[in-house]
Amino acid sequence: YRSWHYHEKHVIPPNPIIAGHEGIQMTDVPTVFQLPGDETFYMSFIGFDGTGYLSFIAESSDLVQWTKFRLAMGYGEEGLFDHGGVVLGAYHYESYHIDAPRVLKKAND
């Protein structure tokens, strides 16, 4: 569908090597999107480190090779909303049509 095909290897491994977060044991909920005017694809995903959940971002130009893994949201201080870890959730896209690219909508548009 939309030129998708089966890729036999994980594009994000269950235990990716992310500097400063080498203890990630599992990944889940990959969400691919683009920013307005940017050809780069971005993927957010969550990682479990044995204690809680962290949100990460990676970049790709071909949807197969992902690089620049980095933390998007991690653990906050006790008593704050992000204490114990957080996950990125829903996104506001320019269009939700099934054939539309997943480009994030700019705020105040």
N, C-alpha and C. Protein backbone atom coordinates (compact mmCIF):
# COMPACT_ATOMS: atom_id res chain seq x y z
N TYR A 1 0.84 -1.17 0.00
CA TYR A 1 0.00 0.00 0.00
C TYR A 1 0.88 1.24 0.00
N ARG A 2 0.60 2.19 -0.86
CA ARG A 2 1.42 3.39 -1.03
C ARG A 2 2.89 3.02 -1.26
N SER A 3 3.13 1.97 -2.04
CA SER A 3 4.49 1.51 -2.39
C SER A 3 5.25 0.92 -1.21
N TRP A 4 4.57 0.53 -0.15
CA TRP A 4 5.23 -0.10 0.98
C TRP A 4 5.53 -1.56 0.63
N HIS A 5 6.57 -2.08 1.21
CA HIS A 5 6.88 -3.49 1.04
C HIS A 5 7.49 -4.02 2.33
N TYR A 6 7.48 -5.31 2.46
CA TYR A 6 8.01 -5.96 3.65
C TYR A 6 9.52 -5.79 3.71
N HIS A 7 10.01 -5.37 4.86
CA HIS A 7 11.45 -5.26 5.11
C HIS A 7 11.76 -6.23 6.24
N GLU A 8 12.58 -7.23 5.96
CA GLU A 8 12.75 -8.34 6.91
C GLU A 8 13.51 -7.99 8.18
N LYS A 9 14.22 -6.88 8.21
CA LYS A 9 14.95 -6.50 9.41
C LYS A 9 14.23 -5.33 10.10
N HIS A 10 14.40 -5.24 11.41
CA HIS A 10 13.86 -4.11 12.15
C HIS A 10 14.62 -2.84 11.76
N VAL A 11 13.91 -1.76 11.51
CA VAL A 11 14.61 -0.50 11.23
C VAL A 11 15.05 0.17 12.53
N ILE A 12 14.35 -0.12 13.60
CA ILE A 12 14.78 0.27 14.95
C ILE A 12 14.89 -1.04 15.74
N PRO A 13 16.09 -1.42 16.14
CA PRO A 13 16.24 -2.68 16.86
C PRO A 13 15.61 -2.59 18.25
N PRO A 14 15.28 -3.73 18.85
CA PRO A 14 14.70 -3.72 20.19
C PRO A 14 15.61 -3.07 21.24
N ASN A 15 16.91 -3.17 21.03
CA ASN A 15 17.86 -2.59 21.99
C ASN A 15 18.88 -1.71 21.25
N PRO A 16 18.45 -0.55 20.75
CA PRO A 16 19.36 0.30 19.98
C PRO A 16 20.47 0.89 20.85
N ILE A 17 21.58 1.19 20.22
CA ILE A 17 22.69 1.85 20.91
C ILE A 17 22.47 3.35 20.77
N ILE A 18 22.10 3.99 21.88
CA ILE A 18 21.86 5.43 21.91
C ILE A 18 22.77 6.01 22.99
N ALA A 19 23.67 6.88 22.60
CA ALA A 19 24.64 7.45 23.54
C ALA A 19 23.94 8.00 24.77
N GLY A 20 24.41 7.55 25.93
CA GLY A 20 23.84 7.99 27.19
C GLY A 20 22.63 7.18 27.63
N HIS A 21 22.17 6.27 26.75
CA HIS A 21 20.98 5.45 27.05
C HIS A 21 21.21 4.01 26.59
N GLU A 22 22.37 3.47 26.97
CA GLU A 22 22.75 2.14 26.52
C GLU A 22 21.91 1.03 27.12
N GLY A 23 21.09 1.33 28.12
CA GLY A 23 20.31 0.31 28.80
C GLY A 23 18.94 0.04 28.20
N ILE A 24 18.65 0.57 27.02
CA ILE A 24 17.34 0.34 26.41
C ILE A 24 17.20 -1.13 26.07
N GLN A 25 16.13 -1.75 26.57
CA GLN A 25 15.90 -3.18 26.40
C GLN A 25 14.83 -3.49 25.36
N MET A 26 13.92 -2.56 25.16
CA MET A 26 12.81 -2.78 24.21
C MET A 26 12.40 -1.44 23.60
N THR A 27 11.92 -1.49 22.37
CA THR A 27 11.38 -0.29 21.73
C THR A 27 9.97 -0.60 21.23
N ASP A 28 9.18 0.47 21.06
CA ASP A 28 7.80 0.29 20.65
C ASP A 28 7.25 1.61 20.10
N VAL A 29 6.11 1.54 19.51
CA VAL A 29 5.31 2.66 19.03
C VAL A 29 6.09 3.60 18.09
N PRO A 30 6.68 3.07 17.03
CA PRO A 30 7.35 3.96 16.08
C PRO A 30 6.31 4.79 15.32
N THR A 31 6.57 6.08 15.21
CA THR A 31 5.68 6.99 14.48
C THR A 31 6.54 7.85 13.56
N VAL A 32 6.29 7.76 12.26
CA VAL A 32 7.08 8.49 11.27
C VAL A 32 6.33 9.74 10.85
N PHE A 33 7.08 10.83 10.72
CA PHE A 33 6.48 12.09 10.29
C PHE A 33 7.54 12.95 9.61
N GLN A 34 7.10 14.03 8.99
CA GLN A 34 8.00 15.03 8.41
C GLN A 34 7.61 16.39 8.94
N LEU A 35 8.55 17.32 8.90
CA LEU A 35 8.28 18.70 9.26
C LEU A 35 7.99 19.49 8.00
N PRO A 36 7.15 20.50 8.06
CA PRO A 36 6.83 21.29 6.86
C PRO A 36 8.10 21.82 6.20
N GLY A 37 8.23 21.60 4.89
CA GLY A 37 9.37 22.09 4.13
C GLY A 37 10.66 21.32 4.33
N ASP A 38 10.61 20.19 4.99
CA ASP A 38 11.81 19.40 5.28
C ASP A 38 11.65 18.03 4.64
N GLU A 39 12.62 17.60 3.84
CA GLU A 39 12.56 16.30 3.17
C GLU A 39 12.93 15.14 4.10
N THR A 40 13.52 15.43 5.24
CA THR A 40 13.94 14.40 6.18
C THR A 40 12.73 13.74 6.83
N PHE A 41 12.81 12.43 7.03
CA PHE A 41 11.79 11.71 7.78
C PHE A 41 12.27 11.61 9.22
N TYR A 42 11.35 11.76 10.15
CA TYR A 42 11.65 11.64 11.57
C TYR A 42 10.80 10.51 12.13
N MET A 43 11.37 9.78 13.07
CA MET A 43 10.62 8.73 13.74
C MET A 43 10.74 8.93 15.24
N SER A 44 9.60 9.03 15.88
CA SER A 44 9.61 8.99 17.34
C SER A 44 9.31 7.55 17.75
N PHE A 45 9.87 7.14 18.84
CA PHE A 45 9.61 5.81 19.38
C PHE A 45 9.91 5.83 20.87
N ILE A 46 9.36 4.87 21.58
CA ILE A 46 9.64 4.80 23.01
C ILE A 46 10.61 3.65 23.27
N GLY A 47 11.38 3.81 24.31
CA GLY A 47 12.31 2.78 24.74
C GLY A 47 12.12 2.52 26.23
N PHE A 48 12.18 1.26 26.60
CA PHE A 48 12.07 0.86 28.01
C PHE A 48 13.46 0.49 28.50
N ASP A 49 13.87 1.08 29.61
CA ASP A 49 15.22 0.84 30.12
C ASP A 49 15.25 -0.03 31.38
N GLY A 50 14.15 -0.72 31.67
CA GLY A 50 14.08 -1.55 32.86
C GLY A 50 13.45 -0.82 34.04
N THR A 51 13.37 0.49 33.94
CA THR A 51 12.78 1.31 35.00
C THR A 51 11.52 2.00 34.54
N GLY A 52 11.59 2.59 33.36
CA GLY A 52 10.47 3.36 32.83
C GLY A 52 10.64 3.58 31.34
N TYR A 53 9.81 4.47 30.81
CA TYR A 53 9.78 4.72 29.38
C TYR A 53 10.36 6.08 29.04
N LEU A 54 11.13 6.11 27.96
CA LEU A 54 11.73 7.33 27.44
C LEU A 54 11.32 7.48 25.99
N SER A 55 11.21 8.71 25.51
CA SER A 55 10.87 8.96 24.11
C SER A 55 12.11 9.41 23.35
N PHE A 56 12.28 8.85 22.15
CA PHE A 56 13.44 9.16 21.32
C PHE A 56 13.01 9.61 19.93
N ILE A 57 13.94 10.23 19.22
CA ILE A 57 13.75 10.65 17.83
C ILE A 57 14.92 10.13 17.02
N ALA A 58 14.66 9.70 15.79
CA ALA A 58 15.70 9.32 14.84
C ALA A 58 15.38 9.97 13.49
N GLU A 59 16.37 10.03 12.60
CA GLU A 59 16.19 10.66 11.29
C GLU A 59 16.54 9.69 10.17
N SER A 60 15.90 9.88 9.00
CA SER A 60 16.17 9.04 7.83
C SER A 60 15.86 9.82 6.56
N SER A 61 16.55 9.44 5.49
CA SER A 61 16.24 10.00 4.17
C SER A 61 15.54 8.96 3.29
N ASP A 62 15.54 7.68 3.75
CA ASP A 62 14.97 6.61 2.91
C ASP A 62 13.99 5.70 3.65
N LEU A 63 13.68 5.99 4.90
CA LEU A 63 12.76 5.21 5.73
C LEU A 63 13.28 3.83 6.11
N VAL A 64 14.53 3.52 5.78
CA VAL A 64 15.12 2.23 6.14
C VAL A 64 16.33 2.44 7.05
N GLN A 65 17.23 3.32 6.65
CA GLN A 65 18.42 3.61 7.44
C GLN A 65 18.12 4.78 8.36
N TRP A 66 18.17 4.54 9.67
CA TRP A 66 17.85 5.57 10.66
C TRP A 66 19.10 5.95 11.44
N THR A 67 19.32 7.25 11.63
CA THR A 67 20.51 7.76 12.30
C THR A 67 20.10 8.88 13.27
N LYS A 68 21.09 9.46 13.90
CA LYS A 68 20.91 10.60 14.81
C LYS A 68 19.87 10.30 15.90
N PHE A 69 19.99 9.13 16.49
CA PHE A 69 19.13 8.77 17.61
C PHE A 69 19.40 9.72 18.77
N ARG A 70 18.34 10.26 19.34
CA ARG A 70 18.52 11.16 20.47
C ARG A 70 17.27 11.18 21.36
N LEU A 71 17.47 11.57 22.58
CA LEU A 71 16.40 11.63 23.55
C LEU A 71 15.47 12.80 23.21
N ALA A 72 14.17 12.54 23.23
CA ALA A 72 13.18 13.61 23.03
C ALA A 72 12.61 14.03 24.39
N MET A 73 12.23 13.05 25.20
CA MET A 73 11.73 13.31 26.55
C MET A 73 12.16 12.18 27.46
N GLY A 74 12.65 12.54 28.63
CA GLY A 74 13.14 11.53 29.56
C GLY A 74 12.50 11.65 30.92
N TYR A 75 13.28 11.38 31.95
CA TYR A 75 12.79 11.40 33.32
C TYR A 75 12.89 12.81 33.89
N GLY A 76 11.81 13.24 34.51
CA GLY A 76 11.82 14.52 35.20
C GLY A 76 12.04 14.33 36.69
N GLU A 77 12.13 15.42 37.37
CA GLU A 77 12.33 15.37 38.81
C GLU A 77 11.07 14.88 39.51
N GLU A 78 11.25 14.31 40.69
CA GLU A 78 10.11 13.81 41.46
C GLU A 78 9.08 14.91 41.66
N GLY A 79 7.82 14.56 41.45
CA GLY A 79 6.73 15.52 41.60
C GLY A 79 6.33 16.22 40.32
N LEU A 80 7.16 16.12 39.27
CA LEU A 80 6.82 16.74 37.99
C LEU A 80 6.09 15.75 37.10
N PHE A 81 5.42 16.25 36.06
CA PHE A 81 4.60 15.39 35.19
C PHE A 81 5.40 14.27 34.54
N ASP A 82 6.68 14.49 34.31
CA ASP A 82 7.47 13.50 33.59
C ASP A 82 8.32 12.62 34.51
N HIS A 83 8.06 12.66 35.82
CA HIS A 83 8.78 11.78 36.74
C HIS A 83 8.40 10.34 36.41
N GLY A 84 9.37 9.48 36.23
CA GLY A 84 9.12 8.08 35.90
C GLY A 84 9.12 7.82 34.41
N GLY A 85 9.32 8.87 33.60
CA GLY A 85 9.36 8.71 32.15
C GLY A 85 8.08 9.16 31.49
N VAL A 86 8.20 9.50 30.22
CA VAL A 86 7.05 9.96 29.44
C VAL A 86 7.16 9.41 28.03
N VAL A 87 6.07 9.45 27.32
CA VAL A 87 6.08 9.04 25.92
C VAL A 87 5.42 10.13 25.08
N LEU A 88 5.97 10.35 23.88
CA LEU A 88 5.33 11.26 22.94
C LEU A 88 4.08 10.58 22.43
N GLY A 89 3.04 11.34 22.22
CA GLY A 89 1.78 10.73 21.83
C GLY A 89 1.28 11.20 20.49
N ALA A 90 0.09 11.71 20.47
CA ALA A 90 -0.60 12.08 19.23
C ALA A 90 0.09 13.27 18.55
N TYR A 91 -0.04 13.31 17.24
CA TYR A 91 0.54 14.39 16.45
C TYR A 91 -0.55 15.10 15.67
N HIS A 92 -0.33 16.36 15.37
CA HIS A 92 -1.28 17.16 14.60
C HIS A 92 -0.73 17.28 13.17
N TYR A 93 -1.33 16.53 12.25
CA TYR A 93 -0.86 16.49 10.87
C TYR A 93 -1.60 17.51 10.00
N GLU A 94 -0.98 17.89 8.89
CA GLU A 94 -1.64 18.78 7.93
C GLU A 94 -2.88 18.12 7.36
N SER A 95 -2.83 16.81 7.14
CA SER A 95 -3.98 16.07 6.61
C SER A 95 -3.99 14.67 7.19
N TYR A 96 -5.18 14.17 7.45
CA TYR A 96 -5.32 12.80 7.95
C TYR A 96 -5.83 11.86 6.87
N HIS A 97 -5.90 12.33 5.63
CA HIS A 97 -6.35 11.49 4.53
C HIS A 97 -5.38 10.31 4.40
N ILE A 98 -5.89 9.15 4.07
CA ILE A 98 -5.08 7.94 4.00
C ILE A 98 -3.91 8.05 3.03
N ASP A 99 -4.06 8.84 1.96
CA ASP A 99 -2.99 8.99 0.97
C ASP A 99 -2.06 10.16 1.25
N ALA A 100 -2.34 10.93 2.27
CA ALA A 100 -1.54 12.13 2.55
C ALA A 100 -0.23 11.77 3.26
N PRO A 101 0.83 12.51 2.96
CA PRO A 101 2.07 12.31 3.72
C PRO A 101 1.85 12.78 5.15
N ARG A 102 2.57 12.22 6.07
CA ARG A 102 2.43 12.58 7.48
C ARG A 102 3.34 13.75 7.81
N VAL A 103 2.90 14.94 7.39
CA VAL A 103 3.64 16.18 7.65
C VAL A 103 2.97 16.87 8.82
N LEU A 104 3.77 17.25 9.82
CA LEU A 104 3.20 17.93 10.98
C LEU A 104 2.66 19.29 10.59
N LYS A 105 1.54 19.67 11.19
CA LYS A 105 0.93 20.96 10.93
C LYS A 105 1.63 22.00 11.79
N LYS A 106 1.94 23.15 11.19
CA LYS A 106 2.55 24.24 11.94
C LYS A 106 1.52 24.81 12.91
N ALA A 107 2.00 25.23 14.05
CA ALA A 107 1.11 25.87 15.03
C ALA A 107 0.60 27.18 14.46
N ASN A 108 -0.61 27.54 14.80
CA ASN A 108 -1.24 28.80 14.39
C ASN A 108 -1.52 28.87 12.90
N ASP A 109 -1.57 27.74 12.21
CA ASP A 109 -1.96 27.75 10.78
C ASP A 109 -3.45 27.60 10.65
